[in-house]
Amino acid sequence: MKKTMLGVTAFAAAGAIALAGCSSTGEGSTDTTPTAAGSEPAAAPAEDISLWLAGTDTPEALIEYLKTEYTEVNGGSLTVEQIGWGDLISSLTTALPDSENTPDVVEVGNTQAATFTTVGAFMDLTEHYEELGGDSLLQGFVEAGSIGDSVYALPYYFGSRAVFYRKDIYDAAGVAVPTTLAEYTEANKTMLDEGVGGAYLAGRDWRSGISWIFANGGDIAEYDGSEWHATLDSPEAIAGMEQWQELFTTANVAKATDDDTTTYSAINDEFLPGTPASSTMAPSWATWTLGDFDEETEAYVWNPETFGVYALPGVDGGVAPVFAGGSNIGISAATQHPDGAMTLMEIIFADEYQQMLAENGMGPANLDFADAYIGAGSFEGVNEIAYEAAANAKLTPAAAGWASIEEAGIMEDYFQAVAEGGDVASLAVEANAKIDQLING
């Protein structure tokens, strides 16, 4: 399915603020000379530019590299701001259309890329697609940032969710790594009943819980050729949510009101008083917050004798589809510095930075560096398992209104209501109605 371009309209990502003034191209076209993939970025007139990164996922060493390299190549300065994920949509909705205040280059979540692309928030990168990696780039993320054959936002990094678990707790309860979703519930129920542990899946963490819907053959929505329709009430989706509800109510130590901000550290010793968490689902890059806390270095240390990781199993075995984590990156359509912004994009997609992403546990946009990613880090098998899961991962619908759905918290509210023991079928119908009001923009 190819998305079609909509006019520049208001969308309810932060109330009813319009992305007025955005267009599919920047103010004046860039004359940046294309370079071969992996070669030195092309020189451009010195320009001071800004980069907005989402959250704190990009390590500080990589940020400093971008600043230094941009100054060396361009002569200007690069200012980097990290915008919290919770504030990202509203901040971008206000700033992107304003040529005086827009970030020149911006990272958005992969679930938000379709919305910002469709409303014309990003500059057209189609003529630079090949030089920035072309078909070696993660194609699902490319599609999320494209309209028809035109490319506006490219993948920045990827990750996928896996099950991080406590080997010591599993051993104490005499349970093995599960091979099916039912066994995952059974193993965690055994540990909870014995008082030694239990799964930690936050009630509002739909990005982890959606795997149960995917694994049962369900989905959030489907496209009928002209518009999107929510499908949370399909028999497959309901079966998945009922299975997730059973896990939550019989084998889980999280609260229905907990969200995904707590999952990263759920299996650490100091996280939960009383019955600890024996496993949690988290993105692959969460390893720097999982493990034993070293007071001297003030960092978490992954101890492979205590901690392990495995892919969430499917209904009948194998690997369950998981939600694909990660983000896209593009140039603001309102930028006044298209040449400098393109220089930064070339630095980001050059071999050295892609290698740095891989070595820091962030799935590189360019899959030519997948081997470096799989072999990186000291965390036992994490990246290999994450890469395996990523091959089977799914994205949210590439719909114009998806960012509005995220801003409204519809999926979080639905999962919380199910976690609280509500009737899945009726709650799914209610959630569908709310999604259908927003999903088509």
Protein backbone atom coordinates (compact mmCIF):
# COMPACT_ATOMS: atom_id res chain seq x y z
CA MET A 1 0.00 0.00 0.00
CA LYS A 2 1.32 3.44 -0.91
CA LYS A 3 0.30 6.49 1.05
CA THR A 4 -1.07 9.45 -0.88
CA MET A 5 -0.14 13.04 -0.11
CA LEU A 6 -2.64 15.06 1.90
CA GLY A 7 -2.79 18.81 1.99
CA VAL A 8 -1.16 20.59 4.91
CA THR A 9 -3.88 20.13 7.51
CA ALA A 10 -4.30 20.33 11.22
CA PHE A 11 -3.95 17.12 13.14
CA ALA A 12 -4.69 16.46 16.76
CA ALA A 13 -1.21 15.61 17.92
CA ALA A 14 -1.26 18.49 20.36
CA GLY A 15 -4.81 19.65 20.38
CA ALA A 16 -5.81 21.06 17.00
CA ILE A 17 -2.54 22.75 16.03
CA ALA A 18 -1.94 22.90 12.28
CA LEU A 19 1.40 22.28 10.65
CA ALA A 20 0.76 25.48 8.74
CA GLY A 21 3.45 26.50 6.32
CA CYS A 22 4.96 23.04 5.88
CA SER A 23 5.46 21.80 2.36
CA SER A 24 7.03 18.81 0.71
CA THR A 25 10.21 20.74 -0.08
CA GLY A 26 12.35 23.17 1.87
CA GLU A 27 12.72 26.89 1.22
CA GLY A 28 14.81 26.55 -1.89
CA SER A 29 16.22 23.27 -3.08
CA THR A 30 19.51 21.95 -1.80
CA ASP A 31 22.46 21.87 -4.17
CA THR A 32 24.38 19.36 -2.12
CA THR A 33 26.45 17.21 -4.42
CA PRO A 34 25.64 13.50 -4.07
CA THR A 35 28.43 11.30 -2.83
CA ALA A 36 28.90 7.57 -2.96
CA ALA A 37 27.65 5.66 0.07
CA GLY A 38 30.36 5.53 2.69
CA SER A 39 32.47 8.34 1.15
CA GLU A 40 33.33 11.64 2.80
CA PRO A 41 30.26 13.93 3.08
CA ALA A 42 30.14 16.77 0.57
CA ALA A 43 31.28 20.21 1.70
CA ALA A 44 28.66 22.95 2.06
CA PRO A 45 28.72 26.63 3.07
CA ALA A 46 29.28 27.01 6.80
CA GLU A 47 25.91 27.02 8.54
CA ASP A 48 24.89 26.78 12.17
CA ILE A 49 22.13 24.17 12.43
CA SER A 50 20.16 22.30 15.06
CA LEU A 51 19.29 18.65 15.55
CA TRP A 52 16.45 17.44 17.72
CA LEU A 53 16.86 13.91 19.05
CA ALA A 54 14.02 11.97 20.65
CA GLY A 55 14.63 11.01 24.25
CA THR A 56 18.06 10.02 25.51
CA ASP A 57 18.54 6.85 23.46
CA THR A 58 21.47 8.24 21.45
CA PRO A 59 24.62 7.87 23.61
CA GLU A 60 26.51 11.04 24.49
CA ALA A 61 29.62 9.86 22.66
CA LEU A 62 27.68 9.70 19.40
CA ILE A 63 26.22 13.16 19.95
CA GLU A 64 29.69 14.60 20.51
CA TYR A 65 30.92 12.86 17.37
CA LEU A 66 28.16 14.47 15.32
CA LYS A 67 28.99 17.92 16.69
CA THR A 68 32.70 17.55 16.03
CA GLU A 69 32.33 15.97 12.59
CA TYR A 70 29.77 18.54 11.44
CA THR A 71 32.05 21.42 12.40
CA GLU A 72 35.00 19.77 10.69
CA VAL A 73 33.11 19.13 7.46
CA ASN A 74 30.87 22.20 7.30
CA GLY A 75 32.62 24.80 9.42
CA GLY A 76 29.43 25.70 11.25
CA SER A 77 28.20 24.53 14.63
CA LEU A 78 25.66 21.84 15.46
CA THR A 79 23.33 22.34 18.42
CA VAL A 80 21.71 19.14 19.68
CA GLU A 81 18.58 19.08 21.82
CA GLN A 82 17.09 15.95 23.34
CA ILE A 83 13.31 16.19 23.54
CA GLY A 84 11.53 13.79 25.87
CA TRP A 85 9.39 11.22 24.08
CA GLY A 86 6.32 12.43 25.96
CA ASP A 87 6.84 16.00 24.75
CA LEU A 88 8.01 15.20 21.23
CA ILE A 89 4.74 15.38 19.26
CA SER A 90 3.51 18.62 20.80
CA SER A 91 6.97 20.23 20.54
CA LEU A 92 7.35 19.29 16.87
CA THR A 93 3.81 20.31 15.99
CA THR A 94 4.59 23.79 17.27
CA ALA A 95 8.18 24.15 16.02
CA LEU A 96 8.34 22.39 12.65
CA PRO A 97 6.23 24.89 10.65
CA ASP A 98 8.11 27.90 12.09
CA SER A 99 11.12 28.61 9.87
CA GLU A 100 12.63 30.81 12.59
CA ASN A 101 12.49 28.10 15.26
CA THR A 102 12.33 24.78 13.47
CA PRO A 103 14.99 22.18 14.16
CA ASP A 104 16.84 21.66 10.89
CA VAL A 105 17.13 17.90 11.31
CA VAL A 106 14.74 15.96 13.51
CA GLU A 107 14.28 12.45 14.85
CA VAL A 108 10.75 11.09 15.29
CA GLY A 109 9.52 7.73 16.49
CA ASN A 110 8.87 5.22 13.74
CA THR A 111 5.18 5.24 14.70
CA GLN A 112 5.06 9.02 14.22
CA ALA A 113 6.94 9.16 10.92
CA ALA A 114 3.90 8.51 8.73
CA THR A 115 1.91 11.36 10.24
CA PHE A 116 4.63 13.98 9.95
CA THR A 117 5.51 12.78 6.46
CA THR A 118 1.92 12.89 5.25
CA VAL A 119 1.30 16.45 6.44
CA GLY A 120 4.43 17.67 4.62
CA ALA A 121 6.69 18.31 7.60
CA PHE A 122 9.85 16.97 5.96
CA MET A 123 11.95 17.90 2.95
CA ASP A 124 11.95 15.50 -0.01
CA LEU A 125 15.04 13.28 0.16
CA THR A 126 14.30 11.15 -2.88
CA GLU A 127 17.24 12.41 -4.97
CA HIS A 128 19.59 11.65 -2.06
CA TYR A 129 18.15 8.23 -1.23
CA GLU A 130 20.86 6.19 -2.96
CA GLU A 131 23.77 8.19 -1.56
CA LEU A 132 22.36 7.81 1.96
CA GLY A 133 22.20 4.04 1.73
CA GLY A 134 19.42 3.22 -0.73
CA ASP A 135 17.98 -0.25 -0.53
CA SER A 136 20.46 -1.25 2.18
CA LEU A 137 18.35 0.81 4.59
CA LEU A 138 15.70 -0.88 6.73
CA GLN A 139 12.80 -0.87 4.28
CA GLY A 140 9.90 -0.97 6.72
CA PHE A 141 11.12 2.30 8.21
CA VAL A 142 11.73 3.77 4.75
CA GLU A 143 8.09 3.04 3.88
CA ALA A 144 6.91 4.74 7.07
CA GLY A 145 8.64 7.93 5.90
CA SER A 146 7.60 7.76 2.24
CA ILE A 147 4.67 8.87 0.11
CA GLY A 148 4.39 6.79 -3.03
CA ASP A 149 7.87 6.69 -4.53
CA SER A 150 9.05 9.84 -2.73
CA VAL A 151 11.15 9.53 0.42
CA TYR A 152 10.96 12.10 3.20
CA ALA A 153 12.22 10.46 6.41
CA LEU A 154 14.81 7.70 6.63
CA PRO A 155 15.43 5.16 9.40
CA TYR A 156 17.71 6.37 12.19
CA TYR A 157 18.07 3.21 14.27
CA PHE A 158 16.05 0.12 15.06
CA GLY A 159 15.60 -2.26 17.91
CA SER A 160 13.13 -4.90 18.89
CA ARG A 161 11.72 -6.14 22.13
CA ALA A 162 13.01 -9.24 23.80
CA VAL A 163 12.45 -10.95 27.14
CA PHE A 164 15.11 -10.09 29.71
CA TYR A 165 15.04 -12.50 32.62
CA ARG A 166 16.69 -13.51 35.88
CA LYS A 167 18.41 -16.87 35.51
CA ASP A 168 18.73 -17.18 39.28
CA ILE A 169 14.98 -16.83 39.79
CA TYR A 170 14.14 -19.25 36.99
CA ASP A 171 16.56 -21.76 38.50
CA ALA A 172 15.13 -21.28 42.00
CA ALA A 173 11.63 -22.07 40.71
CA GLY A 174 12.83 -24.94 38.53
CA VAL A 175 11.36 -23.47 35.34
CA ALA A 176 12.92 -23.45 31.89
CA VAL A 177 12.90 -20.81 29.18
CA PRO A 178 9.43 -21.12 27.63
CA THR A 179 8.92 -22.17 24.03
CA THR A 180 5.30 -20.95 23.58
CA LEU A 181 3.26 -18.00 24.82
CA ALA A 182 1.19 -20.32 27.02
CA GLU A 183 4.37 -21.66 28.59
CA TYR A 184 5.50 -18.08 29.26
CA THR A 185 2.37 -17.54 31.34
CA GLU A 186 2.72 -20.91 33.06
CA ALA A 187 6.38 -20.35 33.97
CA ASN A 188 5.72 -16.93 35.45
CA LYS A 189 2.62 -18.17 37.32
CA THR A 190 4.76 -20.90 38.88
CA MET A 191 7.31 -18.36 40.05
CA LEU A 192 4.64 -16.01 41.37
CA ASP A 193 2.84 -18.81 43.22
CA GLU A 194 6.12 -19.82 44.85
CA GLY A 195 6.83 -16.20 45.81
CA VAL A 196 10.16 -15.99 44.04
CA GLY A 197 9.22 -13.90 41.01
CA GLY A 198 6.75 -13.10 38.28
CA ALA A 199 6.58 -11.38 34.91
CA TYR A 200 6.70 -7.61 34.83
CA LEU A 201 4.57 -6.29 31.98
CA ALA A 202 3.27 -2.81 32.73
CA GLY A 203 -0.46 -2.47 32.26
CA ARG A 204 -0.16 0.53 29.93
CA ASP A 205 2.83 -0.77 28.00
CA TRP A 206 0.95 -1.63 24.81
CA ARG A 207 4.16 -1.68 22.77
CA SER A 208 5.14 -4.86 24.58
CA GLY A 209 1.63 -6.25 25.01
CA ILE A 210 0.77 -5.86 21.33
CA SER A 211 2.93 -8.93 20.66
CA TRP A 212 0.14 -11.11 22.04
CA ILE A 213 -2.23 -9.69 19.40
CA PHE A 214 0.35 -10.05 16.62
CA ALA A 215 1.21 -13.61 17.66
CA ASN A 216 -2.44 -14.65 17.43
CA GLY A 217 -2.77 -13.21 13.92
CA GLY A 218 -4.46 -9.95 14.89
CA ASP A 219 -3.53 -6.36 14.15
CA ILE A 220 -4.37 -2.83 15.22
CA ALA A 221 -5.95 -1.76 11.95
CA GLU A 222 -6.18 -2.63 8.27
CA TYR A 223 -6.31 -0.59 5.06
CA ASP A 224 -9.23 -1.28 2.71
CA GLY A 225 -7.80 0.54 -0.30
CA SER A 226 -9.15 3.95 0.61
CA GLU A 227 -8.95 4.30 4.40
CA TRP A 228 -7.89 2.64 7.62
CA HIS A 229 -10.19 0.78 10.01
CA ALA A 230 -9.33 -0.41 13.52
CA THR A 231 -9.44 -4.20 13.97
CA LEU A 232 -8.94 -4.71 17.69
CA ASP A 233 -12.27 -6.53 17.79
CA SER A 234 -11.25 -9.24 15.32
CA PRO A 235 -11.37 -12.80 16.73
CA GLU A 236 -7.58 -13.01 16.44
CA ALA A 237 -6.96 -9.73 18.25
CA ILE A 238 -9.43 -10.61 21.00
CA ALA A 239 -7.80 -14.03 21.47
CA GLY A 240 -4.43 -12.32 21.86
CA MET A 241 -5.72 -9.82 24.40
CA GLU A 242 -7.46 -12.52 26.42
CA GLN A 243 -4.19 -14.43 26.54
CA TRP A 244 -2.35 -11.27 27.62
CA GLN A 245 -5.04 -10.58 30.25
CA GLU A 246 -4.54 -14.06 31.68
CA LEU A 247 -0.82 -13.42 31.98
CA PHE A 248 -1.37 -10.04 33.60
CA THR A 249 -3.91 -11.23 36.16
CA THR A 250 -2.30 -14.55 37.12
CA ALA A 251 1.46 -14.28 36.58
CA ASN A 252 2.40 -10.60 36.67
CA VAL A 253 3.85 -8.31 39.35
CA ALA A 254 3.28 -4.98 37.58
CA LYS A 255 0.37 -2.61 38.18
CA ALA A 256 -2.32 -1.86 35.62
CA THR A 257 -1.36 1.82 35.83
CA ASP A 258 2.37 1.22 35.23
CA ASP A 259 3.75 2.28 31.87
CA ASP A 260 6.81 1.48 29.77
CA THR A 261 9.04 3.94 31.63
CA THR A 262 9.44 1.32 34.36
CA THR A 263 10.16 -1.76 32.26
CA TYR A 264 13.82 -0.97 31.61
CA SER A 265 14.87 -1.62 35.20
CA ALA A 266 12.19 -4.09 36.29
CA ILE A 267 14.49 -7.07 36.84
CA ASN A 268 17.13 -5.18 38.82
CA ASP A 269 17.41 -6.18 42.49
CA GLU A 270 16.39 -2.83 43.92
CA PHE A 271 13.41 -2.21 41.64
CA LEU A 272 10.61 -4.14 43.35
CA PRO A 273 10.23 -4.76 47.09
CA GLY A 274 8.86 -8.15 48.06
CA THR A 275 8.29 -10.48 45.13
CA PRO A 276 10.79 -9.48 42.41
CA ALA A 277 10.30 -9.50 38.67
CA SER A 278 11.65 -12.62 37.02
CA SER A 279 11.36 -11.24 33.47
CA THR A 280 10.35 -8.17 31.54
CA MET A 281 10.07 -7.10 27.92
CA ALA A 282 12.21 -4.20 26.81
CA PRO A 283 13.93 -2.88 23.68
CA SER A 284 17.37 -4.26 22.95
CA TRP A 285 19.10 -0.99 23.83
CA ALA A 286 17.73 -1.16 27.41
CA THR A 287 20.75 -3.20 28.47
CA TRP A 288 22.50 -0.16 29.92
CA THR A 289 19.79 0.06 32.62
CA LEU A 290 19.57 -3.68 33.32
CA GLY A 291 21.92 -5.63 35.58
CA ASP A 292 23.76 -5.25 38.86
CA PHE A 293 24.39 -1.65 39.90
CA ASP A 294 28.06 -0.80 40.34
CA GLU A 295 28.29 2.05 42.84
CA GLU A 296 31.86 2.88 41.85
CA THR A 297 31.05 3.46 38.17
CA GLU A 298 27.37 4.33 38.81
CA ALA A 299 26.44 2.04 35.96
CA TYR A 300 24.57 -1.22 35.54
CA VAL A 301 26.71 -4.26 34.78
CA TRP A 302 25.25 -7.14 32.83
CA ASN A 303 26.19 -10.36 34.60
CA PRO A 304 25.54 -13.33 32.27
CA GLU A 305 25.47 -15.68 35.25
CA THR A 306 22.45 -13.83 36.65
CA PHE A 307 20.76 -12.27 33.65
CA GLY A 308 19.69 -13.71 30.32
CA VAL A 309 17.62 -12.83 27.29
CA TYR A 310 15.41 -14.73 24.86
CA ALA A 311 12.97 -13.94 22.09
CA LEU A 312 9.30 -13.94 23.08
CA PRO A 313 7.94 -17.28 21.83
CA GLY A 314 4.94 -17.57 19.52
CA VAL A 315 1.62 -19.26 20.09
CA ASP A 316 2.85 -22.56 18.67
CA GLY A 317 6.56 -22.00 19.15
CA GLY A 318 9.09 -20.09 17.13
CA VAL A 319 9.37 -16.34 17.63
CA ALA A 320 6.39 -14.06 18.24
CA PRO A 321 6.11 -10.89 16.15
CA VAL A 322 7.07 -7.92 18.29
CA PHE A 323 6.66 -4.20 17.94
CA ALA A 324 9.60 -2.72 16.05
CA GLY A 325 11.31 -0.09 18.15
CA GLY A 326 13.37 2.74 16.75
CA SER A 327 12.95 5.96 14.88
CA ASN A 328 13.18 7.91 11.63
CA ILE A 329 15.10 11.06 10.85
CA GLY A 330 14.47 13.81 8.32
CA ILE A 331 15.08 17.43 7.39
CA SER A 332 12.45 19.99 8.31
CA ALA A 333 10.60 21.31 5.27
CA ALA A 334 10.83 24.76 6.87
CA THR A 335 14.61 24.73 7.35
CA GLN A 336 16.55 27.76 6.25
CA HIS A 337 19.72 25.66 6.06
CA PRO A 338 19.05 22.81 3.62
CA ASP A 339 22.72 22.44 2.66
CA GLY A 340 23.95 22.19 6.23
CA ALA A 341 21.11 19.86 7.12
CA MET A 342 21.99 17.58 4.21
CA THR A 343 25.62 17.56 5.28
CA LEU A 344 24.54 16.32 8.70
CA MET A 345 22.38 13.62 7.11
CA GLU A 346 25.39 12.47 5.08
CA ILE A 347 27.47 12.25 8.26
CA ILE A 348 24.75 10.24 10.00
CA PHE A 349 24.45 7.78 7.11
CA ALA A 350 28.18 7.49 6.45
CA ASP A 351 29.97 4.26 7.34
CA GLU A 352 31.66 5.53 10.50
CA TYR A 353 28.47 6.66 12.23
CA GLN A 354 26.56 3.54 11.17
CA GLN A 355 29.37 1.49 12.70
CA MET A 356 29.14 3.56 15.89
CA LEU A 357 25.39 2.95 16.14
CA ALA A 358 25.97 -0.78 15.74
CA GLU A 359 28.72 -0.90 18.36
CA ASN A 360 26.49 0.93 20.84
CA GLY A 361 23.68 -1.58 20.56
CA MET A 362 21.43 0.54 18.34
CA GLY A 363 20.37 -1.29 15.20
CA PRO A 364 21.96 0.68 12.34
CA ALA A 365 19.74 2.10 9.61
CA ASN A 366 22.03 0.54 7.02
CA LEU A 367 21.75 -3.23 7.26
CA ASP A 368 25.20 -3.65 5.71
CA PHE A 369 26.33 -3.10 9.32
CA ALA A 370 24.06 -5.78 10.78
CA ASP A 371 26.98 -8.10 11.51
CA ALA A 372 28.69 -5.37 13.50
CA TYR A 373 25.48 -4.87 15.46
CA ILE A 374 25.01 -8.58 16.16
CA GLY A 375 28.57 -8.94 17.40
CA ALA A 376 28.66 -5.74 19.45
CA GLY A 377 28.57 -5.32 23.18
CA SER A 378 29.17 -7.52 26.18
CA PHE A 379 25.54 -8.46 26.71
CA GLU A 380 25.16 -12.16 26.12
CA GLY A 381 23.31 -12.69 22.84
CA VAL A 382 21.14 -9.58 23.16
CA ASN A 383 21.80 -8.08 19.75
CA GLU A 384 21.62 -11.40 17.94
CA ILE A 385 18.24 -12.12 19.51
CA ALA A 386 17.08 -8.56 18.85
CA TYR A 387 18.07 -8.85 15.20
CA GLU A 388 16.22 -12.16 14.90
CA ALA A 389 13.14 -10.57 16.44
CA ALA A 390 13.47 -7.48 14.23
CA ALA A 391 13.17 -9.66 11.13
CA ASN A 392 9.72 -10.63 12.39
CA ALA A 393 8.79 -7.25 13.86
CA LYS A 394 5.79 -5.15 12.92
CA LEU A 395 5.09 -1.43 12.82
CA THR A 396 1.97 0.51 13.68
CA PRO A 397 -0.33 1.43 10.77
CA ALA A 398 1.29 3.85 8.32
CA ALA A 399 -1.71 6.14 8.70
CA ALA A 400 -1.89 9.92 8.63
CA GLY A 401 -3.56 10.13 12.02
CA TRP A 402 -1.47 7.67 13.99
CA ALA A 403 0.42 10.36 15.92
CA SER A 404 -2.92 11.71 17.10
CA ILE A 405 -3.82 8.26 18.43
CA GLU A 406 -0.55 8.13 20.34
CA GLU A 407 -1.06 11.61 21.73
CA ALA A 408 -4.55 10.64 22.94
CA GLY A 409 -3.21 7.55 24.71
CA ILE A 410 -5.91 5.30 23.26
CA MET A 411 -3.80 2.15 23.20
CA GLU A 412 -2.51 2.76 26.72
CA ASP A 413 -6.06 3.22 28.03
CA TYR A 414 -7.24 0.06 26.26
CA PHE A 415 -4.47 -2.10 27.68
CA GLN A 416 -4.95 -0.69 31.17
CA ALA A 417 -8.69 -1.43 31.07
CA VAL A 418 -7.97 -5.01 29.97
CA ALA A 419 -5.33 -5.36 32.71
CA GLU A 420 -7.93 -4.26 35.24
CA GLY A 421 -10.04 -7.24 34.25
CA GLY A 422 -12.54 -5.64 31.86
CA ASP A 423 -14.37 -7.56 29.15
CA VAL A 424 -11.97 -7.71 26.22
CA ALA A 425 -14.59 -7.83 23.45
CA SER A 426 -16.51 -4.77 24.60
CA LEU A 427 -13.36 -2.80 25.40
CA ALA A 428 -12.01 -3.60 21.91
CA VAL A 429 -15.14 -2.17 20.29
CA GLU A 430 -14.78 1.01 22.35
CA ALA A 431 -11.11 1.37 21.45
CA ASN A 432 -11.87 0.78 17.75
CA ALA A 433 -14.38 3.63 17.73
CA LYS A 434 -11.83 6.02 19.24
CA ILE A 435 -9.10 4.95 16.80
CA ASP A 436 -11.38 5.25 13.76
CA GLN A 437 -12.14 8.87 14.66
CA LEU A 438 -8.46 9.81 14.31
CA ILE A 439 -6.58 7.27 12.23
CA ASN A 440 -7.24 8.73 8.78
CA GLY A 441 -6.17 12.23 9.77
